PDB file of all heavy atoms in Angstrom:
ATOM      1  N   ASP A   1      17.943 179.078 102.133  1.00  0.00           N
ATOM      2  CA  ASP A   1      17.009 178.722 101.064  1.00  0.00           C
ATOM      3  C   ASP A   1      17.468 179.386  99.765  1.00  0.00           C
ATOM      4  O   ASP A   1      17.648 180.606  99.718  1.00  0.00           O
ATOM      5  CB  ASP A   1      15.611 179.195 101.446  1.00  0.00           C
ATOM      6  CG  ASP A   1      14.529 178.694 100.507  1.00  0.00           C
ATOM      7  OD1 ASP A   1      14.858 178.143  99.445  1.00  0.00           O
ATOM      8  OD2 ASP A   1      13.339 178.878 100.833  1.00  0.00           O
ATOM      9  N   GLN A   2      17.670 178.595  98.716  1.00  0.00           N
ATOM     10  CA  GLN A   2      18.077 179.178  97.431  1.00  0.00           C
ATOM     11  C   GLN A   2      16.954 179.955  96.769  1.00  0.00           C
ATOM     12  O   GLN A   2      17.213 180.843  95.947  1.00  0.00           O
ATOM     13  CB  GLN A   2      18.567 178.087  96.487  1.00  0.00           C
ATOM     14  CG  GLN A   2      17.487 177.131  95.990  1.00  0.00           C
ATOM     15  CD  GLN A   2      18.055 175.989  95.191  1.00  0.00           C
ATOM     16  OE1 GLN A   2      18.735 175.126  95.740  1.00  0.00           O
ATOM     17  NE2 GLN A   2      17.793 175.963  93.884  1.00  0.00           N
ATOM     18  N   ASN A   3      15.715 179.631  97.096  1.00  0.00           N
ATOM     19  CA  ASN A   3      14.551 180.298  96.525  1.00  0.00           C
ATOM     20  C   ASN A   3      14.150 181.505  97.364  1.00  0.00           C
ATOM     21  O   ASN A   3      14.410 181.555  98.563  1.00  0.00           O
ATOM     22  CB  ASN A   3      13.382 179.304  96.438  1.00  0.00           C
ATOM     23  CG  ASN A   3      13.648 178.238  95.401  1.00  0.00           C
ATOM     24  OD1 ASN A   3      13.947 178.525  94.256  1.00  0.00           O
ATOM     25  ND2 ASN A   3      13.550 176.979  95.816  1.00  0.00           N
ATOM     26  N   PRO A   4      13.500 182.487  96.759  1.00  0.00           N
ATOM     27  CA  PRO A   4      13.047 182.521  95.358  1.00  0.00           C
ATOM     28  C   PRO A   4      14.068 183.110  94.390  1.00  0.00           C
ATOM     29  O   PRO A   4      13.889 183.042  93.183  1.00  0.00           O
ATOM     30  CB  PRO A   4      11.815 183.418  95.439  1.00  0.00           C
ATOM     31  CG  PRO A   4      12.161 184.395  96.523  1.00  0.00           C
ATOM     32  CD  PRO A   4      12.934 183.603  97.553  1.00  0.00           C
ATOM     33  N   GLU A   5      15.153 183.689  94.935  1.00  0.00           N
ATOM     34  CA  GLU A   5      16.072 184.434  94.062  1.00  0.00           C
ATOM     35  C   GLU A   5      16.839 183.535  93.088  1.00  0.00           C
ATOM     36  O   GLU A   5      17.128 183.946  91.965  1.00  0.00           O
ATOM     37  CB  GLU A   5      17.070 185.236  94.914  1.00  0.00           C
ATOM     38  CG  GLU A   5      16.440 186.293  95.790  1.00  0.00           C
ATOM     39  CD  GLU A   5      16.053 185.758  97.161  1.00  0.00           C
ATOM     40  OE1 GLU A   5      16.077 184.520  97.351  1.00  0.00           O
ATOM     41  OE2 GLU A   5      15.745 186.569  98.038  1.00  0.00           O
ATOM     42  N   LEU A   6      17.184 182.328  93.521  1.00  0.00           N
ATOM     43  CA  LEU A   6      18.041 181.459  92.716  1.00  0.00           C
ATOM     44  C   LEU A   6      17.403 180.075  92.557  1.00  0.00           C
ATOM     45  O   LEU A   6      17.820 179.096  93.185  1.00  0.00           O
ATOM     46  CB  LEU A   6      19.420 181.320  93.371  1.00  0.00           C
ATOM     47  CG  LEU A   6      20.212 182.612  93.607  1.00  0.00           C
ATOM     48  CD1 LEU A   6      21.497 182.315  94.360  1.00  0.00           C
ATOM     49  CD2 LEU A   6      20.492 183.329  92.295  1.00  0.00           C
ATOM     50  N   PRO A   7      16.382 179.963  91.708  1.00  0.00           N
ATOM     51  CA  PRO A   7      15.684 178.677  91.581  1.00  0.00           C
ATOM     52  C   PRO A   7      16.581 177.540  91.094  1.00  0.00           C
ATOM     53  O   PRO A   7      16.285 176.369  91.348  1.00  0.00           O
ATOM     54  CB  PRO A   7      14.576 178.979  90.556  1.00  0.00           C
ATOM     55  CG  PRO A   7      15.029 180.203  89.833  1.00  0.00           C
ATOM     56  CD  PRO A   7      15.792 180.995  90.842  1.00  0.00           C
ATOM     57  N   ASN A   8      17.680 177.873  90.417  1.00  0.00           N
ATOM     58  CA  ASN A   8      18.632 176.853  89.995  1.00  0.00           C
ATOM     59  C   ASN A   8      20.011 177.078  90.611  1.00  0.00           C
ATOM     60  O   ASN A   8      21.021 176.650  90.048  1.00  0.00           O
ATOM     61  CB  ASN A   8      18.731 176.823  88.468  1.00  0.00           C
ATOM     62  CG  ASN A   8      17.550 176.105  87.840  1.00  0.00           C
ATOM     63  OD1 ASN A   8      17.373 174.914  88.018  1.00  0.00           O
ATOM     64  ND2 ASN A   8      16.718 176.854  87.126  1.00  0.00           N
ATOM     65  N   GLY A   9      20.020 177.694  91.772  1.00  0.00           N
ATOM     66  CA  GLY A   9      21.296 178.082  92.382  1.00  0.00           C
ATOM     67  C   GLY A   9      21.722 177.257  93.567  1.00  0.00           C
ATOM     68  O   GLY A   9      22.294 177.793  94.528  1.00  0.00           O
ATOM     69  N   CYS A  10      21.493 175.948  93.516  1.00  0.00           N
ATOM     70  CA  CYS A  10      21.852 175.126  94.671  1.00  0.00           C
ATOM     71  C   CYS A  10      23.349 175.111  94.937  1.00  0.00           C
ATOM     72  O   CYS A  10      23.795 175.103  96.104  1.00  0.00           O
ATOM     73  CB  CYS A  10      21.328 173.702  94.507  1.00  0.00           C
ATOM     74  SG  CYS A  10      21.899 172.849  93.023  1.00  0.00           S
ATOM     75  N   GLU A  11      24.158 175.123  93.876  1.00  0.00           N
ATOM     76  CA  GLU A  11      25.610 175.032  94.068  1.00  0.00           C
ATOM     77  C   GLU A  11      26.163 176.279  94.757  1.00  0.00           C
ATOM     78  O   GLU A  11      26.905 176.182  95.741  1.00  0.00           O
ATOM     79  CB  GLU A  11      26.320 174.836  92.719  1.00  0.00           C
ATOM     80  CG  GLU A  11      25.897 173.582  91.971  1.00  0.00           C
ATOM     81  CD  GLU A  11      24.750 173.823  91.008  1.00  0.00           C
ATOM     82  OE1 GLU A  11      24.186 174.938  91.006  1.00  0.00           O
ATOM     83  OE2 GLU A  11      24.420 172.901  90.244  1.00  0.00           O
ATOM     84  N   ILE A  12      25.806 177.453  94.240  1.00  0.00           N
ATOM     85  CA  ILE A  12      26.354 178.672  94.817  1.00  0.00           C
ATOM     86  C   ILE A  12      25.710 178.977  96.168  1.00  0.00           C
ATOM     87  O   ILE A  12      26.345 179.574  97.057  1.00  0.00           O
ATOM     88  CB  ILE A  12      26.205 179.862  93.834  1.00  0.00           C
ATOM     89  CG1 ILE A  12      27.259 180.921  94.127  1.00  0.00           C
ATOM     90  CG2 ILE A  12      24.802 180.412  93.826  1.00  0.00           C
ATOM     91  CD1 ILE A  12      28.696 180.463  93.903  1.00  0.00           C
ATOM     92  N   THR A  13      24.470 178.550  96.382  1.00  0.00           N
ATOM     93  CA  THR A  13      23.855 178.712  97.698  1.00  0.00           C
ATOM     94  C   THR A  13      24.536 177.802  98.708  1.00  0.00           C
ATOM     95  O   THR A  13      24.758 178.193  99.865  1.00  0.00           O
ATOM     96  CB  THR A  13      22.349 178.427  97.639  1.00  0.00           C
ATOM     97  OG1 THR A  13      21.730 179.292  96.681  1.00  0.00           O
ATOM     98  CG2 THR A  13      21.696 178.656  99.001  1.00  0.00           C
ATOM     99  N   SER A  14      24.883 176.586  98.300  1.00  0.00           N
ATOM    100  CA  SER A  14      25.632 175.696  99.195  1.00  0.00           C
ATOM    101  C   SER A  14      26.967 176.309  99.559  1.00  0.00           C
ATOM    102  O   SER A  14      27.429 176.199 100.710  1.00  0.00           O
ATOM    103  CB  SER A  14      25.835 174.335  98.526  1.00  0.00           C
ATOM    104  OG  SER A  14      24.616 173.634  98.393  1.00  0.00           O
ATOM    105  N   ALA A  15      27.607 176.972  98.594  1.00  0.00           N
ATOM    106  CA  ALA A  15      28.864 177.662  98.900  1.00  0.00           C
ATOM    107  C   ALA A  15      28.636 178.762  99.925  1.00  0.00           C
ATOM    108  O   ALA A  15      29.444 178.950 100.853  1.00  0.00           O
ATOM    109  CB  ALA A  15      29.463 178.237  97.621  1.00  0.00           C
ATOM    110  N   ALA A  16      27.529 179.493  99.786  1.00  0.00           N
ATOM    111  CA  ALA A  16      27.208 180.541 100.753  1.00  0.00           C
ATOM    112  C   ALA A  16      26.966 179.950 102.132  1.00  0.00           C
ATOM    113  O   ALA A  16      27.366 180.539 103.152  1.00  0.00           O
ATOM    114  CB  ALA A  16      25.985 181.330 100.280  1.00  0.00           C
ATOM    115  N   ILE A  17      26.308 178.800 102.189  1.00  0.00           N
ATOM    116  CA  ILE A  17      26.065 178.129 103.468  1.00  0.00           C
ATOM    117  C   ILE A  17      27.382 177.853 104.181  1.00  0.00           C
ATOM    118  O   ILE A  17      27.541 178.139 105.379  1.00  0.00           O
ATOM    119  CB  ILE A  17      25.282 176.821 103.249  1.00  0.00           C
ATOM    120  CG1 ILE A  17      23.847 177.120 102.813  1.00  0.00           C
ATOM    121  CG2 ILE A  17      25.275 175.966 104.520  1.00  0.00           C
ATOM    122  CD1 ILE A  17      23.072 175.894 102.342  1.00  0.00           C
ATOM    123  N   VAL A  18      28.346 177.290 103.458  1.00  0.00           N
ATOM    124  CA  VAL A  18      29.629 176.950 104.079  1.00  0.00           C
ATOM    125  C   VAL A  18      30.411 178.206 104.439  1.00  0.00           C
ATOM    126  O   VAL A  18      30.989 178.299 105.527  1.00  0.00           O
ATOM    127  CB  VAL A  18      30.442 176.029 103.151  1.00  0.00           C
ATOM    128  CG1 VAL A  18      31.815 175.755 103.758  1.00  0.00           C
ATOM    129  CG2 VAL A  18      29.704 174.715 102.924  1.00  0.00           C
ATOM    130  N   LEU A  19      30.445 179.181 103.548  1.00  0.00           N
ATOM    131  CA  LEU A  19      31.169 180.411 103.845  1.00  0.00           C
ATOM    132  C   LEU A  19      30.610 181.104 105.083  1.00  0.00           C
ATOM    133  O   LEU A  19      31.367 181.600 105.934  1.00  0.00           O
ATOM    134  CB  LEU A  19      31.119 181.355 102.641  1.00  0.00           C
ATOM    135  CG  LEU A  19      32.020 180.978 101.464  1.00  0.00           C
ATOM    136  CD1 LEU A  19      31.663 181.795 100.232  1.00  0.00           C
ATOM    137  CD2 LEU A  19      33.490 181.161 101.817  1.00  0.00           C
ATOM    138  N   ASN A  20      29.301 181.138 105.206  1.00  0.00           N
ATOM    139  CA  ASN A  20      28.701 181.753 106.390  1.00  0.00           C
ATOM    140  C   ASN A  20      29.009 180.958 107.642  1.00  0.00           C
ATOM    141  O   ASN A  20      29.233 181.528 108.710  1.00  0.00           O
ATOM    142  CB  ASN A  20      27.196 181.911 106.195  1.00  0.00           C
ATOM    143  CG  ASN A  20      26.838 183.145 105.389  1.00  0.00           C
ATOM    144  OD1 ASN A  20      26.616 184.214 105.949  1.00  0.00           O
ATOM    145  ND2 ASN A  20      26.798 183.011 104.072  1.00  0.00           N
ATOM    146  N   CYS A  21      29.053 179.639 107.510  1.00  0.00           N
ATOM    147  CA  CYS A  21      29.430 178.799 108.638  1.00  0.00           C
ATOM    148  C   CYS A  21      30.849 179.115 109.096  1.00  0.00           C
ATOM    149  O   CYS A  21      31.159 179.054 110.289  1.00  0.00           O
ATOM    150  CB  CYS A  21      29.305 177.328 108.244  1.00  0.00           C
ATOM    151  SG  CYS A  21      29.780 176.163 109.526  1.00  0.00           S
ATOM    152  N   LEU A  22      31.711 179.457 108.159  1.00  0.00           N
ATOM    153  CA  LEU A  22      33.102 179.760 108.471  1.00  0.00           C
ATOM    154  C   LEU A  22      33.303 181.201 108.931  1.00  0.00           C
ATOM    155  O   LEU A  22      34.429 181.620 109.204  1.00  0.00           O
ATOM    156  CB  LEU A  22      33.979 179.492 107.241  1.00  0.00           C
ATOM    157  CG  LEU A  22      34.034 178.034 106.780  1.00  0.00           C
ATOM    158  CD1 LEU A  22      34.823 177.915 105.485  1.00  0.00           C
ATOM    159  CD2 LEU A  22      34.631 177.135 107.848  1.00  0.00           C
ATOM    160  N   GLY A  23      32.207 181.968 108.988  1.00  0.00           N
ATOM    161  CA  GLY A  23      32.294 183.306 109.550  1.00  0.00           C
ATOM    162  C   GLY A  23      32.246 184.446 108.564  1.00  0.00           C
ATOM    163  O   GLY A  23      32.415 185.611 108.950  1.00  0.00           O
ATOM    164  N   PHE A  24      31.991 184.148 107.283  1.00  0.00           N
ATOM    165  CA  PHE A  24      31.916 185.193 106.275  1.00  0.00           C
ATOM    166  C   PHE A  24      30.461 185.631 106.075  1.00  0.00           C
ATOM    167  O   PHE A  24      29.539 184.846 106.284  1.00  0.00           O
ATOM    168  CB  PHE A  24      32.488 184.706 104.946  1.00  0.00           C
ATOM    169  CG  PHE A  24      33.947 184.336 105.023  1.00  0.00           C
ATOM    170  CD1 PHE A  24      34.318 183.022 105.252  1.00  0.00           C
ATOM    171  CD2 PHE A  24      34.924 185.298 104.898  1.00  0.00           C
ATOM    172  CE1 PHE A  24      35.661 182.673 105.344  1.00  0.00           C
ATOM    173  CE2 PHE A  24      36.267 184.962 104.983  1.00  0.00           C
ATOM    174  CZ  PHE A  24      36.642 183.649 105.206  1.00  0.00           C
ATOM    175  N   ALA A  25      30.283 186.860 105.626  1.00  0.00           N
ATOM    176  CA  ALA A  25      28.941 187.374 105.332  1.00  0.00           C
ATOM    177  C   ALA A  25      28.721 187.305 103.825  1.00  0.00           C
ATOM    178  O   ALA A  25      28.548 188.323 103.151  1.00  0.00           O
ATOM    179  CB  ALA A  25      28.792 188.796 105.843  1.00  0.00           C
ATOM    180  N   ALA A  26      28.733 186.095 103.308  1.00  0.00           N
ATOM    181  CA  ALA A  26      28.627 185.881 101.864  1.00  0.00           C
ATOM    182  C   ALA A  26      27.165 185.699 101.470  1.00  0.00           C
ATOM    183  O   ALA A  26      26.509 184.758 101.921  1.00  0.00           O
ATOM    184  CB  ALA A  26      29.435 184.653 101.451  1.00  0.00           C
ATOM    185  N   GLY A  27      26.666 186.572 100.614  1.00  0.00           N
ATOM    186  CA  GLY A  27      25.299 186.451 100.137  1.00  0.00           C
ATOM    187  C   GLY A  27      25.227 185.556  98.914  1.00  0.00           C
ATOM    188  O   GLY A  27      26.088 185.617  98.033  1.00  0.00           O
ATOM    189  N   LYS A  28      24.204 184.734  98.837  1.00  0.00           N
ATOM    190  CA  LYS A  28      24.063 183.822  97.699  1.00  0.00           C
ATOM    191  C   LYS A  28      23.933 184.577  96.388  1.00  0.00           C
ATOM    192  O   LYS A  28      24.515 184.187  95.368  1.00  0.00           O
ATOM    193  CB  LYS A  28      22.857 182.901  97.913  1.00  0.00           C
ATOM    194  CG  LYS A  28      21.517 183.647  98.006  1.00  0.00           C
ATOM    195  CD  LYS A  28      20.340 182.745  98.268  1.00  0.00           C
ATOM    196  CE  LYS A  28      19.043 183.551  98.290  1.00  0.00           C
ATOM    197  NZ  LYS A  28      17.862 182.714  98.566  1.00  0.00           N
ATOM    198  N   VAL A  29      23.157 185.660  96.383  1.00  0.00           N
ATOM    199  CA  VAL A  29      22.965 186.436  95.158  1.00  0.00           C
ATOM    200  C   VAL A  29      24.253 187.154  94.777  1.00  0.00           C
ATOM    201  O   VAL A  29      24.627 187.204  93.593  1.00  0.00           O
ATOM    202  CB  VAL A  29      21.799 187.425  95.326  1.00  0.00           C
ATOM    203  CG1 VAL A  29      21.686 188.331  94.101  1.00  0.00           C
ATOM    204  CG2 VAL A  29      20.488 186.674  95.554  1.00  0.00           C
ATOM    205  N   GLU A  30      24.940 187.694  95.755  1.00  0.00           N
ATOM    206  CA  GLU A  30      26.233 188.336  95.492  1.00  0.00           C
ATOM    207  C   GLU A  30      27.196 187.349  94.846  1.00  0.00           C
ATOM    208  O   GLU A  30      27.854 187.663  93.849  1.00  0.00           O
ATOM    209  CB  GLU A  30      26.826 188.854  96.805  1.00  0.00           C
ATOM    210  CG  GLU A  30      28.241 189.395  96.665  1.00  0.00           C
ATOM    211  CD  GLU A  30      28.915 189.615  98.009  1.00  0.00           C
ATOM    212  OE1 GLU A  30      28.380 189.147  99.039  1.00  0.00           O
ATOM    213  OE2 GLU A  30      29.996 190.233  98.018  1.00  0.00           O
ATOM    214  N   LEU A  31      27.300 186.148  95.394  1.00  0.00           N
ATOM    215  CA  LEU A  31      28.194 185.139  94.823  1.00  0.00           C
ATOM    216  C   LEU A  31      27.777 184.770  93.400  1.00  0.00           C
ATOM    217  O   LEU A  31      28.622 184.613  92.517  1.00  0.00           O
ATOM    218  CB  LEU A  31      28.198 183.894  95.707  1.00  0.00           C
ATOM    219  CG  LEU A  31      28.845 184.024  97.087  1.00  0.00           C
ATOM    220  CD1 LEU A  31      28.603 182.763  97.908  1.00  0.00           C
ATOM    221  CD2 LEU A  31      30.339 184.301  96.977  1.00  0.00           C
ATOM    222  N   ALA A  32      26.465 184.614  93.194  1.00  0.00           N
ATOM    223  CA  ALA A  32      25.968 184.212  91.875  1.00  0.00           C
ATOM    224  C   ALA A  32      26.181 185.291  90.830  1.00  0.00           C
ATOM    225  O   ALA A  32      26.568 185.007  89.692  1.00  0.00           O
ATOM    226  CB  ALA A  32      24.490 183.846  91.965  1.00  0.00           C
ATOM    227  N   GLU A  33      25.912 186.531  91.198  1.00  0.00           N
ATOM    228  CA  GLU A  33      25.972 187.620  90.221  1.00  0.00           C
ATOM    229  C   GLU A  33      27.394 188.104  89.965  1.00  0.00           C
ATOM    230  O   GLU A  33      27.752 188.423  88.829  1.00  0.00           O
ATOM    231  CB  GLU A  33      25.107 188.785  90.691  1.00  0.00           C
ATOM    232  CG  GLU A  33      23.614 188.496  90.671  1.00  0.00           C
ATOM    233  CD  GLU A  33      22.786 189.699  91.084  1.00  0.00           C
ATOM    234  OE1 GLU A  33      23.383 190.685  91.597  1.00  0.00           O
ATOM    235  OE2 GLU A  33      21.553 189.658  90.908  1.00  0.00           O
ATOM    236  N   GLN A  34      28.214 188.172  91.010  1.00  0.00           N
ATOM    237  CA  GLN A  34      29.505 188.829  90.891  1.00  0.00           C
ATOM    238  C   GLN A  34      30.678 187.873  90.697  1.00  0.00           C
ATOM    239  O   GLN A  34      31.733 188.301  90.195  1.00  0.00           O
ATOM    240  CB  GLN A  34      29.765 189.691  92.121  1.00  0.00           C
ATOM    241  CG  GLN A  34      28.745 190.804  92.330  1.00  0.00           C
ATOM    242  CD  GLN A  34      29.073 191.678  93.517  1.00  0.00           C
ATOM    243  OE1 GLN A  34      30.225 191.826  93.913  1.00  0.00           O
ATOM    244  NE2 GLN A  34      28.046 192.259  94.117  1.00  0.00           N
ATOM    245  N   TYR A  35      30.541 186.620  91.077  1.00  0.00           N
ATOM    246  CA  TYR A  35      31.707 185.741  91.098  1.00  0.00           C
ATOM    247  C   TYR A  35      31.552 184.442  90.300  1.00  0.00           C
ATOM    248  O   TYR A  35      32.551 183.868  89.889  1.00  0.00           O
ATOM    249  CB  TYR A  35      32.061 185.389  92.547  1.00  0.00           C
ATOM    250  CG  TYR A  35      32.435 186.591  93.378  1.00  0.00           C
ATOM    251  CD1 TYR A  35      31.510 187.170  94.243  1.00  0.00           C
ATOM    252  CD2 TYR A  35      33.706 187.144  93.291  1.00  0.00           C
ATOM    253  CE1 TYR A  35      31.857 188.279  95.012  1.00  0.00           C
ATOM    254  CE2 TYR A  35      34.056 188.254  94.056  1.00  0.00           C
ATOM    255  CZ  TYR A  35      33.128 188.813  94.915  1.00  0.00           C
ATOM    256  OH  TYR A  35      33.466 189.913  95.661  1.00  0.00           O
ATOM    257  N   LEU A  36      30.342 183.971  90.098  1.00  0.00           N
ATOM    258  CA  LEU A  36      30.145 182.672  89.461  1.00  0.00           C
ATOM    259  C   LEU A  36      30.302 182.771  87.945  1.00  0.00           C
ATOM    260  O   LEU A  36      29.570 183.521  87.290  1.00  0.00           O
ATOM    261  CB  LEU A  36      28.749 182.134  89.799  1.00  0.00           C
ATOM    262  CG  LEU A  36      28.419 180.745  89.250  1.00  0.00           C
ATOM    263  CD1 LEU A  36      29.287 179.679  89.921  1.00  0.00           C
ATOM    264  CD2 LEU A  36      26.930 180.430  89.462  1.00  0.00           C
ATOM    265  N   PRO A  37      31.221 182.006  87.338  1.00  0.00           N
ATOM    266  CA  PRO A  37      31.301 181.977  85.865  1.00  0.00           C
ATOM    267  C   PRO A  37      30.027 181.383  85.277  1.00  0.00           C
ATOM    268  O   PRO A  37      29.530 180.362  85.758  1.00  0.00           O
ATOM    269  CB  PRO A  37      32.516 181.074  85.602  1.00  0.00           C
ATOM    270  CG  PRO A  37      33.282 181.036  86.879  1.00  0.00           C
ATOM    271  CD  PRO A  37      32.262 181.184  87.967  1.00  0.00           C
ATOM    272  N   LYS A  38      29.494 182.010  84.217  1.00  0.00           N
ATOM    273  CA  LYS A  38      28.240 181.570  83.614  1.00  0.00           C
ATOM    274  C   LYS A  38      28.362 181.559  82.093  1.00  0.00           C
ATOM    275  O   LYS A  38      29.180 182.291  81.526  1.00  0.00           O
ATOM    276  CB  LYS A  38      27.096 182.493  84.055  1.00  0.00           C
ATOM    277  CG  LYS A  38      26.807 182.470  85.548  1.00  0.00           C
ATOM    278  CD  LYS A  38      25.701 183.427  85.949  1.00  0.00           C
ATOM    279  CE  LYS A  38      26.155 184.877  85.983  1.00  0.00           C
ATOM    280  NZ  LYS A  38      27.093 185.152  87.089  1.00  0.00           N
ATOM    281  N   GLY A  39      27.531 180.756  81.447  1.00  0.00           N
ATOM    282  CA  GLY A  39      27.527 180.704  79.991  1.00  0.00           C
ATOM    283  C   GLY A  39      26.208 180.177  79.475  1.00  0.00           C
ATOM    284  O   GLY A  39      25.315 179.813  80.259  1.00  0.00           O
ATOM    285  N   LEU A  40      26.051 180.143  78.165  1.00  0.00           N
ATOM    286  CA  LEU A  40      24.832 179.620  77.554  1.00  0.00           C
ATOM    287  C   LEU A  40      24.697 178.137  77.899  1.00  0.00           C
ATOM    288  O   LEU A  40      25.620 177.351  77.672  1.00  0.00           O
ATOM    289  CB  LEU A  40      24.875 179.818  76.048  1.00  0.00           C
ATOM    290  CG  LEU A  40      24.955 181.277  75.580  1.00  0.00           C
ATOM    291  CD1 LEU A  40      25.126 181.345  74.067  1.00  0.00           C
ATOM    292  CD2 LEU A  40      23.717 182.051  76.019  1.00  0.00           C
ATOM    293  N   TYR A  41      23.554 177.748  78.426  1.00  0.00           N
ATOM    294  CA  TYR A  41      23.435 176.416  79.006  1.00  0.00           C
ATOM    295  C   TYR A  41      23.644 175.297  77.997  1.00  0.00           C
ATOM    296  O   TYR A  41      24.070 174.205  78.351  1.00  0.00           O
ATOM    297  CB  TYR A  41      22.088 176.252  79.729  1.00  0.00           C
ATOM    298  CG  TYR A  41      20.862 176.181  78.856  1.00  0.00           C
ATOM    299  CD1 TYR A  41      20.509 175.006  78.209  1.00  0.00           C
ATOM    300  CD2 TYR A  41      20.032 177.290  78.699  1.00  0.00           C
ATOM    301  CE1 TYR A  41      19.366 174.934  77.414  1.00  0.00           C
ATOM    302  CE2 TYR A  41      18.890 177.227  77.920  1.00  0.00           C
ATOM    303  CZ  TYR A  41      18.565 176.055  77.273  1.00  0.00           C
ATOM    304  OH  TYR A  41      17.450 175.980  76.489  1.00  0.00           O
ATOM    305  N   TRP A  42      23.359 175.556  76.724  1.00  0.00           N
ATOM    306  CA  TRP A  42      23.432 174.486  75.733  1.00  0.00           C
ATOM    307  C   TRP A  42      24.827 174.335  75.127  1.00  0.00           C
ATOM    308  O   TRP A  42      25.049 173.458  74.321  1.00  0.00           O
ATOM    309  CB  TRP A  42      22.417 174.714  74.624  1.00  0.00           C
ATOM    310  CG  TRP A  42      22.608 176.004  73.873  1.00  0.00           C
ATOM    311  CD1 TRP A  42      23.402 176.232  72.788  1.00  0.00           C
ATOM    312  CD2 TRP A  42      21.972 177.238  74.171  1.00  0.00           C
ATOM    313  NE1 TRP A  42      23.325 177.533  72.385  1.00  0.00           N
ATOM    314  CE2 TRP A  42      22.436 178.185  73.211  1.00  0.00           C
ATOM    315  CE3 TRP A  42      21.052 177.653  75.142  1.00  0.00           C
ATOM    316  CZ2 TRP A  42      22.013 179.511  73.220  1.00  0.00           C
ATOM    317  CZ3 TRP A  42      20.638 178.981  75.134  1.00  0.00           C
ATOM    318  CH2 TRP A  42      21.110 179.882  74.183  1.00  0.00           C
TER     319      TRP A  42
END
């Protein structure tokens, strides 16, 4: 579940879903905060 921590984090949560399926202990918040490139939305 991407919520409640990542209300707009479907992409990085989906990545966490696949990584965990492949045997990694990848947290959605860890991926979002530490690895995902971000910028001003507009």
